[in-house]
Amino acid sequence: MPVILNGQTYYRTAEVYRKVGISRATLLRWLKKGVLGETGYRDGKGWRLFTPQDIERLRAEVNRVNQTSHLKTVIRSI
């Protein structure tokens, strides 16, 4: 369930990786690599919070990775 703070909607880690269609491990690996840059939002427990814009950037990364994988498959079949 999204969290609303100061009028802004945020999502927790589990919601994000499910919405984007990746595993928790992949999300955490991408965060460690800096795919999103700095996600400076955290709740009172210290858990990461993501904006809808963060989710869209992650979806773009998923699409980029999927296109790259598909291209590699096509090239191998030639």
N, C-alpha and C. Protein backbone atom coordinates (compact mmCIF):
# COMPACT_ATOMS: atom_id res chain seq x y z
N MET A 1 0.84 -1.17 0.00
CA MET A 1 0.00 0.00 0.00
C MET A 1 0.89 1.25 0.00
N PRO A 2 0.64 2.17 -0.92
CA PRO A 2 1.46 3.39 -0.99
C PRO A 2 1.38 4.21 0.29
N VAL A 3 2.42 4.97 0.50
CA VAL A 3 2.50 5.88 1.65
C VAL A 3 2.41 7.30 1.11
N ILE A 4 1.61 8.13 1.74
CA ILE A 4 1.52 9.53 1.31
C ILE A 4 2.11 10.41 2.39
N LEU A 5 3.16 11.14 2.02
CA LEU A 5 3.84 12.06 2.92
C LEU A 5 3.89 13.44 2.27
N ASN A 6 3.42 14.42 2.97
CA ASN A 6 3.42 15.80 2.45
C ASN A 6 2.81 15.88 1.05
N GLY A 7 1.76 15.12 0.81
CA GLY A 7 1.08 15.16 -0.48
C GLY A 7 1.75 14.37 -1.59
N GLN A 8 2.89 13.76 -1.32
CA GLN A 8 3.62 12.96 -2.32
C GLN A 8 3.39 11.48 -2.04
N THR A 9 3.14 10.70 -3.10
CA THR A 9 2.93 9.26 -2.97
C THR A 9 4.27 8.55 -3.10
N TYR A 10 4.50 7.63 -2.17
CA TYR A 10 5.72 6.82 -2.17
C TYR A 10 5.34 5.35 -2.09
N TYR A 11 6.22 4.51 -2.61
CA TYR A 11 6.02 3.06 -2.59
C TYR A 11 7.20 2.40 -1.89
N ARG A 12 6.91 1.31 -1.20
CA ARG A 12 7.97 0.56 -0.52
C ARG A 12 8.60 -0.43 -1.51
N THR A 13 9.73 -0.97 -1.10
CA THR A 13 10.53 -1.86 -1.95
C THR A 13 9.72 -3.00 -2.55
N ALA A 14 8.96 -3.72 -1.75
CA ALA A 14 8.21 -4.88 -2.25
C ALA A 14 7.19 -4.46 -3.32
N GLU A 15 6.56 -3.32 -3.11
CA GLU A 15 5.60 -2.84 -4.10
C GLU A 15 6.31 -2.51 -5.41
N VAL A 16 7.48 -1.93 -5.30
CA VAL A 16 8.21 -1.48 -6.49
C VAL A 16 8.65 -2.66 -7.34
N TYR A 17 9.31 -3.64 -6.75
CA TYR A 17 9.81 -4.73 -7.60
C TYR A 17 8.67 -5.53 -8.21
N ARG A 18 7.54 -5.61 -7.52
CA ARG A 18 6.39 -6.30 -8.11
C ARG A 18 5.79 -5.49 -9.25
N LYS A 19 5.65 -4.18 -9.08
CA LYS A 19 5.10 -3.32 -10.13
C LYS A 19 5.98 -3.35 -11.39
N VAL A 20 7.29 -3.37 -11.18
CA VAL A 20 8.23 -3.30 -12.29
C VAL A 20 8.44 -4.67 -12.94
N GLY A 21 8.22 -5.73 -12.18
CA GLY A 21 8.36 -7.08 -12.73
C GLY A 21 9.77 -7.63 -12.64
N ILE A 22 10.47 -7.27 -11.57
CA ILE A 22 11.82 -7.80 -11.33
C ILE A 22 11.85 -8.42 -9.94
N SER A 23 12.92 -9.12 -9.65
CA SER A 23 13.06 -9.72 -8.32
C SER A 23 13.58 -8.68 -7.32
N ARG A 24 13.41 -9.02 -6.07
CA ARG A 24 13.93 -8.15 -5.00
C ARG A 24 15.44 -8.02 -5.13
N ALA A 25 16.09 -9.15 -5.42
CA ALA A 25 17.55 -9.15 -5.55
C ALA A 25 18.00 -8.23 -6.69
N THR A 26 17.27 -8.25 -7.81
CA THR A 26 17.63 -7.37 -8.93
C THR A 26 17.46 -5.91 -8.53
N LEU A 27 16.35 -5.58 -7.88
CA LEU A 27 16.14 -4.20 -7.45
C LEU A 27 17.27 -3.74 -6.53
N LEU A 28 17.61 -4.55 -5.56
CA LEU A 28 18.67 -4.16 -4.62
C LEU A 28 20.03 -4.05 -5.32
N ARG A 29 20.29 -4.94 -6.27
CA ARG A 29 21.54 -4.87 -7.04
C ARG A 29 21.58 -3.57 -7.85
N TRP A 30 20.48 -3.22 -8.50
CA TRP A 30 20.43 -1.99 -9.28
C TRP A 30 20.59 -0.76 -8.39
N LEU A 31 20.01 -0.81 -7.21
CA LEU A 31 20.18 0.32 -6.28
C LEU A 31 21.65 0.46 -5.87
N LYS A 32 22.27 -0.67 -5.62
CA LYS A 32 23.69 -0.65 -5.25
C LYS A 32 24.56 -0.11 -6.38
N LYS A 33 24.19 -0.45 -7.64
CA LYS A 33 24.93 0.04 -8.80
C LYS A 33 24.63 1.50 -9.11
N GLY A 34 23.56 2.03 -8.52
CA GLY A 34 23.22 3.42 -8.75
C GLY A 34 22.34 3.67 -9.96
N VAL A 35 21.59 2.66 -10.38
CA VAL A 35 20.72 2.82 -11.55
C VAL A 35 19.75 3.99 -11.36
N LEU A 36 19.24 4.17 -10.15
CA LEU A 36 18.32 5.26 -9.87
C LEU A 36 19.01 6.52 -9.36
N GLY A 37 20.28 6.43 -9.15
CA GLY A 37 20.94 7.54 -8.47
C GLY A 37 20.62 7.43 -6.99
N GLU A 38 20.55 8.53 -6.32
CA GLU A 38 20.28 8.52 -4.89
C GLU A 38 18.78 8.52 -4.63
N THR A 39 18.31 7.52 -3.93
CA THR A 39 16.91 7.51 -3.49
C THR A 39 16.92 7.93 -2.03
N GLY A 40 16.78 9.20 -1.81
CA GLY A 40 16.93 9.76 -0.48
C GLY A 40 15.71 9.69 0.40
N TYR A 41 14.69 8.99 -0.05
CA TYR A 41 13.46 8.94 0.72
C TYR A 41 13.42 7.68 1.57
N ARG A 42 13.14 7.85 2.86
CA ARG A 42 13.02 6.73 3.78
C ARG A 42 11.89 7.01 4.75
N ASP A 43 11.25 5.93 5.22
CA ASP A 43 10.18 6.13 6.20
C ASP A 43 10.77 6.16 7.60
N GLY A 44 9.92 6.20 8.60
CA GLY A 44 10.36 6.27 9.99
C GLY A 44 11.16 5.06 10.44
N LYS A 45 10.98 3.93 9.76
CA LYS A 45 11.73 2.71 10.09
C LYS A 45 13.04 2.62 9.33
N GLY A 46 13.28 3.60 8.45
CA GLY A 46 14.51 3.58 7.65
C GLY A 46 14.37 2.83 6.34
N TRP A 47 13.17 2.38 6.00
CA TRP A 47 12.95 1.65 4.76
C TRP A 47 12.90 2.62 3.61
N ARG A 48 13.44 2.17 2.46
CA ARG A 48 13.43 3.01 1.26
C ARG A 48 12.01 3.27 0.78
N LEU A 49 11.82 4.46 0.27
CA LEU A 49 10.55 4.83 -0.35
C LEU A 49 10.85 5.32 -1.76
N PHE A 50 9.99 4.95 -2.69
CA PHE A 50 10.20 5.28 -4.10
C PHE A 50 9.03 6.10 -4.62
N THR A 51 9.33 7.08 -5.44
CA THR A 51 8.31 7.91 -6.07
C THR A 51 7.80 7.21 -7.33
N PRO A 52 6.66 7.65 -7.85
CA PRO A 52 6.21 7.11 -9.14
C PRO A 52 7.25 7.36 -10.24
N GLN A 53 7.99 8.45 -10.16
CA GLN A 53 9.03 8.73 -11.15
C GLN A 53 10.16 7.70 -11.04
N ASP A 54 10.50 7.29 -9.83
CA ASP A 54 11.50 6.23 -9.64
C ASP A 54 11.04 4.94 -10.31
N ILE A 55 9.76 4.62 -10.15
CA ILE A 55 9.21 3.41 -10.75
C ILE A 55 9.31 3.47 -12.26
N GLU A 56 9.01 4.63 -12.84
CA GLU A 56 9.11 4.77 -14.29
C GLU A 56 10.55 4.63 -14.77
N ARG A 57 11.50 5.16 -14.02
CA ARG A 57 12.91 4.99 -14.40
C ARG A 57 13.31 3.53 -14.34
N LEU A 58 12.82 2.80 -13.34
CA LEU A 58 13.11 1.37 -13.25
C LEU A 58 12.47 0.61 -14.41
N ARG A 59 11.25 0.97 -14.78
CA ARG A 59 10.60 0.33 -15.94
C ARG A 59 11.42 0.57 -17.20
N ALA A 60 11.94 1.77 -17.34
CA ALA A 60 12.78 2.09 -18.51
C ALA A 60 14.03 1.21 -18.51
N GLU A 61 14.60 0.99 -17.34
CA GLU A 61 15.78 0.12 -17.24
C GLU A 61 15.42 -1.32 -17.59
N VAL A 62 14.27 -1.79 -17.14
CA VAL A 62 13.82 -3.14 -17.49
C VAL A 62 13.68 -3.26 -19.00
N ASN A 63 13.07 -2.26 -19.64
CA ASN A 63 12.92 -2.28 -21.09
C ASN A 63 14.26 -2.27 -21.79
N ARG A 64 15.19 -1.48 -21.29
CA ARG A 64 16.53 -1.41 -21.89
C ARG A 64 17.21 -2.77 -21.79
N VAL A 65 17.14 -3.39 -20.64
CA VAL A 65 17.77 -4.71 -20.43
C VAL A 65 17.10 -5.75 -21.32
N ASN A 66 15.77 -5.72 -21.41
CA ASN A 66 15.06 -6.69 -22.25
C ASN A 66 15.41 -6.52 -23.71
N GLN A 67 15.53 -5.29 -24.19
CA GLN A 67 15.90 -5.05 -25.58
C GLN A 67 17.31 -5.53 -25.86
N THR A 68 18.22 -5.28 -24.93
CA THR A 68 19.60 -5.73 -25.09
C THR A 68 19.66 -7.25 -25.14
N SER A 69 18.91 -7.91 -24.26
CA SER A 69 18.89 -9.38 -24.24
C SER A 69 18.32 -9.93 -25.53
N HIS A 70 17.25 -9.32 -26.01
CA HIS A 70 16.63 -9.76 -27.26
C HIS A 70 17.60 -9.58 -28.43
N LEU A 71 18.28 -8.46 -28.46
CA LEU A 71 19.24 -8.18 -29.54
C LEU A 71 20.36 -9.22 -29.53
N LYS A 72 20.86 -9.57 -28.35
CA LYS A 72 21.91 -10.57 -28.25
C LYS A 72 21.42 -11.92 -28.78
N THR A 73 20.17 -12.26 -28.48
CA THR A 73 19.59 -13.51 -28.96
C THR A 73 19.49 -13.52 -30.48
N VAL A 74 19.05 -12.40 -31.05
CA VAL A 74 18.92 -12.30 -32.50
C VAL A 74 20.28 -12.42 -33.15
N ILE A 75 21.28 -11.76 -32.62
CA ILE A 75 22.62 -11.80 -33.19
C ILE A 75 23.18 -13.23 -33.13
N ARG A 76 22.96 -13.93 -32.05
CA ARG A 76 23.45 -15.30 -31.94
C ARG A 76 22.80 -16.23 -32.95
N SER A 77 21.55 -15.93 -33.30
CA SER A 77 20.84 -16.82 -34.23
C SER A 77 21.21 -16.57 -35.69
N ILE A 78 21.94 -15.51 -35.94
CA ILE A 78 22.33 -15.20 -37.33
C ILE A 78 23.53 -16.02 -37.74
